[in-house]
C-alpha atoms as a PDB file:
ATOM      1  CA  MET A   1      29.465 -19.050  20.862  1.00  0.00           C
ATOM      2  CA  ALA A   2      28.473 -15.334  20.850  1.00  0.00           C
ATOM      3  CA  ARG A   3      25.094 -14.522  21.647  1.00  0.00           C
ATOM      4  CA  ILE A   4      23.095 -11.802  19.326  1.00  0.00           C
ATOM      5  CA  SER A   5      20.690  -9.457  20.764  1.00  0.00           C
ATOM      6  CA  ALA A   6      17.236  -9.981  19.599  1.00  0.00           C
ATOM      7  CA  PHE A   7      16.539  -6.362  20.695  1.00  0.00           C
ATOM      8  CA  VAL A   8      16.960  -3.778  17.757  1.00  0.00           C
ATOM      9  CA  ARG A   9      16.627  -0.182  18.398  1.00  0.00           C
ATOM     10  CA  LYS A  10      14.636   1.613  15.844  1.00  0.00           C
ATOM     11  CA  ASP A  11      15.355   5.190  14.938  1.00  0.00           C
ATOM     12  CA  ASN A  12      12.481   7.698  15.327  1.00  0.00           C
ATOM     13  CA  ASN A  13      12.892   7.998  11.421  1.00  0.00           C
ATOM     14  CA  ASP A  14      11.874   4.577  11.362  1.00  0.00           C
ATOM     15  CA  ILE A  15       8.608   4.917  13.333  1.00  0.00           C
ATOM     16  CA  PHE A  16       7.394   8.326  12.444  1.00  0.00           C
ATOM     17  CA  THR A  17       7.084  10.745   9.273  1.00  0.00           C
ATOM     18  CA  ALA A  18       5.798  14.232   9.366  1.00  0.00           C
ATOM     19  CA  ALA A  19       3.015  15.089   7.140  1.00  0.00           C
ATOM     20  CA  GLY A  20       4.116  18.784   6.830  1.00  0.00           C
ATOM     21  CA  SER A  21       1.602  21.085   5.030  1.00  0.00           C
ATOM     22  CA  ALA A  22       1.000  18.408   2.351  1.00  0.00           C
ATOM     23  CA  ARG A  23       2.298  14.797   2.024  1.00  0.00           C
ATOM     24  CA  THR A  24       1.325  12.026  -0.250  1.00  0.00           C
ATOM     25  CA  LEU A  25       1.987   8.750   1.158  1.00  0.00           C
ATOM     26  CA  ASN A  26       3.544   5.734  -0.529  1.00  0.00           C
ATOM     27  CA  ALA A  27       4.474   2.073   0.517  1.00  0.00           C
ATOM     28  CA  ASP A  28       7.725   3.082   2.293  1.00  0.00           C
ATOM     29  CA  ASP A  29       5.335   5.000   4.695  1.00  0.00           C
ATOM     30  CA  ALA A  30       3.177   1.841   5.357  1.00  0.00           C
ATOM     31  CA  GLY A  31       3.318   0.820   9.198  1.00  0.00           C
ATOM     32  CA  LYS A  32       4.810   4.258  10.198  1.00  0.00           C
ATOM     33  CA  ILE A  33       2.906   7.055  12.234  1.00  0.00           C
ATOM     34  CA  VAL A  34       2.327   9.963  10.262  1.00  0.00           C
ATOM     35  CA  GLN A  35       2.511  12.952  12.556  1.00  0.00           C
ATOM     36  CA  LEU A  36      -0.304  15.787  11.927  1.00  0.00           C
ATOM     37  CA  ALA A  37       2.025  18.350  13.388  1.00  0.00           C
ATOM     38  CA  THR A  38       1.677  21.686  11.338  1.00  0.00           C
ATOM     39  CA  LEU A  39      -0.098  24.464  13.083  1.00  0.00           C
ATOM     40  CA  ALA A  40      -1.474  25.503   9.685  1.00  0.00           C
ATOM     41  CA  GLY A  41      -2.946  22.282   9.118  1.00  0.00           C
ATOM     42  CA  SER A  42      -1.571  19.330   7.028  1.00  0.00           C
ATOM     43  CA  THR A  43      -3.368  17.443   3.998  1.00  0.00           C
ATOM     44  CA  VAL A  44      -2.209  13.786   3.698  1.00  0.00           C
ATOM     45  CA  THR A  45      -2.985  12.060   0.491  1.00  0.00           C
ATOM     46  CA  LEU A  46      -3.237   8.324   0.767  1.00  0.00           C
ATOM     47  CA  PRO A  47      -1.878   5.956  -2.133  1.00  0.00           C
ATOM     48  CA  ALA A  48      -4.258   4.385  -4.451  1.00  0.00           C
ATOM     49  CA  ALA A  49      -6.145   1.477  -2.883  1.00  0.00           C
ATOM     50  CA  LEU A  50      -4.792  -1.706  -4.287  1.00  0.00           C
ATOM     51  CA  GLY A  51      -5.672  -4.395  -1.551  1.00  0.00           C
ATOM     52  CA  THR A  52      -1.840  -4.465  -0.121  1.00  0.00           C
ATOM     53  CA  GLY A  53      -2.914  -4.723   3.182  1.00  0.00           C
ATOM     54  CA  ASN A  54      -0.574  -1.528   4.128  1.00  0.00           C
ATOM     55  CA  VAL A  55      -1.704   0.371   6.920  1.00  0.00           C
ATOM     56  CA  TYR A  56      -1.049   4.166   7.616  1.00  0.00           C
ATOM     57  CA  THR A  57      -1.570   5.763  11.156  1.00  0.00           C
ATOM     58  CA  CYS A  58      -2.424   9.429  11.186  1.00  0.00           C
ATOM     59  CA  VAL A  59      -2.071  10.880  14.679  1.00  0.00           C
ATOM     60  CA  VAL A  60      -2.520  14.545  15.634  1.00  0.00           C
ATOM     61  CA  THR A  61       0.438  15.556  17.538  1.00  0.00           C
ATOM     62  CA  ALA A  62      -0.006  19.572  17.139  1.00  0.00           C
ATOM     63  CA  LEU A  63      -3.288  21.165  17.038  1.00  0.00           C
ATOM     64  CA  ALA A  64      -4.050  23.004  13.896  1.00  0.00           C
ATOM     65  CA  THR A  65      -4.571  26.737  14.811  1.00  0.00           C
ATOM     66  CA  SER A  66      -5.636  27.521  11.075  1.00  0.00           C
ATOM     67  CA  ASN A  67      -7.016  25.440   8.317  1.00  0.00           C
ATOM     68  CA  SER A  68      -7.637  21.773   9.037  1.00  0.00           C
ATOM     69  CA  HIS A  69      -5.877  18.481   8.969  1.00  0.00           C
ATOM     70  CA  ILE A  70      -7.401  16.333   6.122  1.00  0.00           C
ATOM     71  CA  ILE A  71      -6.694  12.872   4.981  1.00  0.00           C
ATOM     72  CA  LYS A  72      -7.990  11.933   1.502  1.00  0.00           C
ATOM     73  CA  VAL A  73      -7.721   9.359  -0.923  1.00  0.00           C
ATOM     74  CA  ALA A  74      -5.801   9.574  -4.375  1.00  0.00           C
ATOM     75  CA  ASN A  75      -8.336   9.295  -6.704  1.00  0.00           C
ATOM     76  CA  SER A  76     -12.076   9.526  -7.689  1.00  0.00           C
ATOM     77  CA  THR A  77     -12.696   5.797  -7.456  1.00  0.00           C
ATOM     78  CA  ASP A  78     -11.299   5.178  -3.986  1.00  0.00           C
ATOM     79  CA  VAL A  79     -13.638   5.242  -1.010  1.00  0.00           C
ATOM     80  CA  MET A  80     -13.312   4.811   2.852  1.00  0.00           C
ATOM     81  CA  ARG A  81     -15.177   2.078   4.981  1.00  0.00           C
ATOM     82  CA  GLY A  82     -15.573   2.320   8.653  1.00  0.00           C
ATOM     83  CA  VAL A  83     -16.211   4.144  11.810  1.00  0.00           C
ATOM     84  CA  LEU A  84     -14.482   7.036  13.719  1.00  0.00           C
ATOM     85  CA  PHE A  85     -15.510   7.768  17.363  1.00  0.00           C
ATOM     86  CA  SER A  86     -15.776  11.040  18.380  1.00  0.00           C
ATOM     87  CA  VAL A  87     -14.895  12.247  22.127  1.00  0.00           C
ATOM     88  CA  ASP A  88     -16.967  15.183  23.132  1.00  0.00           C
ATOM     89  CA  THR A  89     -14.385  17.444  25.212  1.00  0.00           C
ATOM     90  CA  ASP A  90     -16.787  19.840  26.381  1.00  0.00           C
ATOM     91  CA  SER A  91     -19.643  17.343  27.247  1.00  0.00           C
ATOM     92  CA  ALA A  92     -18.006  15.244  29.938  1.00  0.00           C
ATOM     93  CA  ASP A  93     -16.429  13.120  27.472  1.00  0.00           C
ATOM     94  CA  ALA A  94     -19.348  11.698  25.675  1.00  0.00           C
ATOM     95  CA  VAL A  95     -18.481   9.421  22.935  1.00  0.00           C
ATOM     96  CA  GLY A  96     -20.461   8.797  19.588  1.00  0.00           C
ATOM     97  CA  PRO A  97     -19.665   6.914  16.291  1.00  0.00           C
ATOM     98  CA  PHE A  98     -19.753   8.503  12.719  1.00  0.00           C
ATOM     99  CA  ALA A  99     -19.784   6.327   9.956  1.00  0.00           C
ATOM    100  CA  ALA A 100     -18.291   6.629   6.449  1.00  0.00           C
ATOM    101  CA  THR A 101     -21.069   6.726   3.771  1.00  0.00           C
ATOM    102  CA  THR A 102     -20.676   4.806   0.455  1.00  0.00           C
ATOM    103  CA  ALA A 103     -19.239   8.194  -1.160  1.00  0.00           C
ATOM    104  CA  SER A 104     -16.754   8.914   1.817  1.00  0.00           C
ATOM    105  CA  ASP A 105     -13.220   9.696   0.450  1.00  0.00           C
ATOM    106  CA  THR A 106     -11.996  12.652   2.981  1.00  0.00           C
ATOM    107  CA  ILE A 107     -11.597  12.946   6.628  1.00  0.00           C
ATOM    108  CA  THR A 108     -11.528  16.652   7.753  1.00  0.00           C
ATOM    109  CA  LEU A 109     -10.461  17.446  11.408  1.00  0.00           C
ATOM    110  CA  ASN A 110     -11.744  21.172  11.361  1.00  0.00           C
ATOM    111  CA  ARG A 111     -10.417  22.345  14.657  1.00  0.00           C
ATOM    112  CA  SER A 112     -13.898  21.877  16.238  1.00  0.00           C
ATOM    113  CA  THR A 113     -16.800  19.549  15.733  1.00  0.00           C
ATOM    114  CA  THR A 114     -14.820  17.143  13.486  1.00  0.00           C
ATOM    115  CA  GLY A 115     -11.369  17.048  15.206  1.00  0.00           C
ATOM    116  CA  SER A 116      -7.993  18.462  15.940  1.00  0.00           C
ATOM    117  CA  VAL A 117      -8.928  19.652  19.301  1.00  0.00           C
ATOM    118  CA  SER A 118      -6.782  16.727  21.257  1.00  0.00           C
ATOM    119  CA  ILE A 119      -3.359  15.741  20.994  1.00  0.00           C
ATOM    120  CA  GLY A 120      -3.247  12.093  20.297  1.00  0.00           C
ATOM    121  CA  GLU A 121      -6.219  11.879  17.920  1.00  0.00           C
ATOM    122  CA  THR A 122      -5.698   8.779  15.881  1.00  0.00           C
ATOM    123  CA  ILE A 123      -6.717   7.468  12.496  1.00  0.00           C
ATOM    124  CA  ARG A 124      -5.925   4.107  11.223  1.00  0.00           C
ATOM    125  CA  LEU A 125      -6.344   3.430   7.449  1.00  0.00           C
ATOM    126  CA  ARG A 126      -5.765  -0.109   5.919  1.00  0.00           C
ATOM    127  CA  ASP A 127      -5.787  -0.698   2.081  1.00  0.00           C
ATOM    128  CA  VAL A 128      -8.370  -3.723   2.164  1.00  0.00           C
ATOM    129  CA  ALA A 129      -9.132  -4.015  -1.483  1.00  0.00           C
ATOM    130  CA  PRO A 130      -8.764  -2.308  -4.990  1.00  0.00           C
ATOM    131  CA  GLY A 131     -10.654   0.966  -4.475  1.00  0.00           C
ATOM    132  CA  PHE A 132     -11.403   0.614  -0.792  1.00  0.00           C
ATOM    133  CA  TRP A 133      -9.936   1.805   2.476  1.00  0.00           C
ATOM    134  CA  GLN A 134     -10.755   0.587   6.149  1.00  0.00           C
ATOM    135  CA  VAL A 135     -11.017   3.346   8.806  1.00  0.00           C
ATOM    136  CA  GLU A 136     -11.110   3.258  12.297  1.00  0.00           C
ATOM    137  CA  GLY A 137     -10.060   5.624  15.101  1.00  0.00           C
ATOM    138  CA  TRP A 138     -11.118   8.620  17.136  1.00  0.00           C
ATOM    139  CA  PHE A 139     -11.232  12.338  17.358  1.00  0.00           C
ATOM    140  CA  GLY A 140     -11.793  15.109  19.775  1.00  0.00           C
ATOM    141  CA  ALA A 141     -14.700  17.382  19.250  1.00  0.00           C
ATOM    142  CA  THR A 142     -16.194  20.648  20.689  1.00  0.00           C
ATOM    143  CA  GLY A 143     -19.430  21.987  20.269  1.00  0.00           C
ATOM    144  CA  VAL A 144     -21.989  19.365  18.613  1.00  0.00           C
ATOM    145  CA  PRO A 145     -19.750  16.583  17.213  1.00  0.00           C
ATOM    146  CA  ALA A 146     -20.064  15.905  13.420  1.00  0.00           C
ATOM    147  CA  THR A 147     -19.172  13.712  11.027  1.00  0.00           C
ATOM    148  CA  PRO A 148     -15.397  14.134   9.681  1.00  0.00           C
ATOM    149  CA  PHE A 149     -16.114  12.302   6.425  1.00  0.00           C
ATOM    150  CA  SER A 150     -17.038  13.856   2.999  1.00  0.00           C
ATOM    151  CA  ALA A 151     -16.747  13.365  -0.603  1.00  0.00           C
ATOM    152  CA  THR A 152     -14.310  15.762  -2.112  1.00  0.00           C
ATOM    153  CA  VAL A 153     -11.933  13.892  -4.139  1.00  0.00           C
END
């Protein structure tokens, strides 16, 4: 009887997806690593939160040199809940939490106080209920770290 290997090699296209300058995610992107890799910044728009449990992970793989890396919800009713931790890169890597407010719907990594200063910054977003995204992760910061959360949608 022939043995079938349980090891299946995934192509990088199965694991990673590029945000480019602007990308609207869909269910096919769930479980993939969304690379924030554009020097002019990337804007990632999440699908509408329906409670699917889908997880989208955004990782800074190139530091923006102009504009910002931005992650936002799809509509004016969806909001974010959760905490992002800052690592202050010019203060002995001091760590501090920033919680989403009740109206938070956008994360902006602005190349200084709110992120996009360290390769590997990671933000994980889970569609937990209709209208709600759960957020967790970390970002690097220079100067006085500030909240990356805002209400712009």
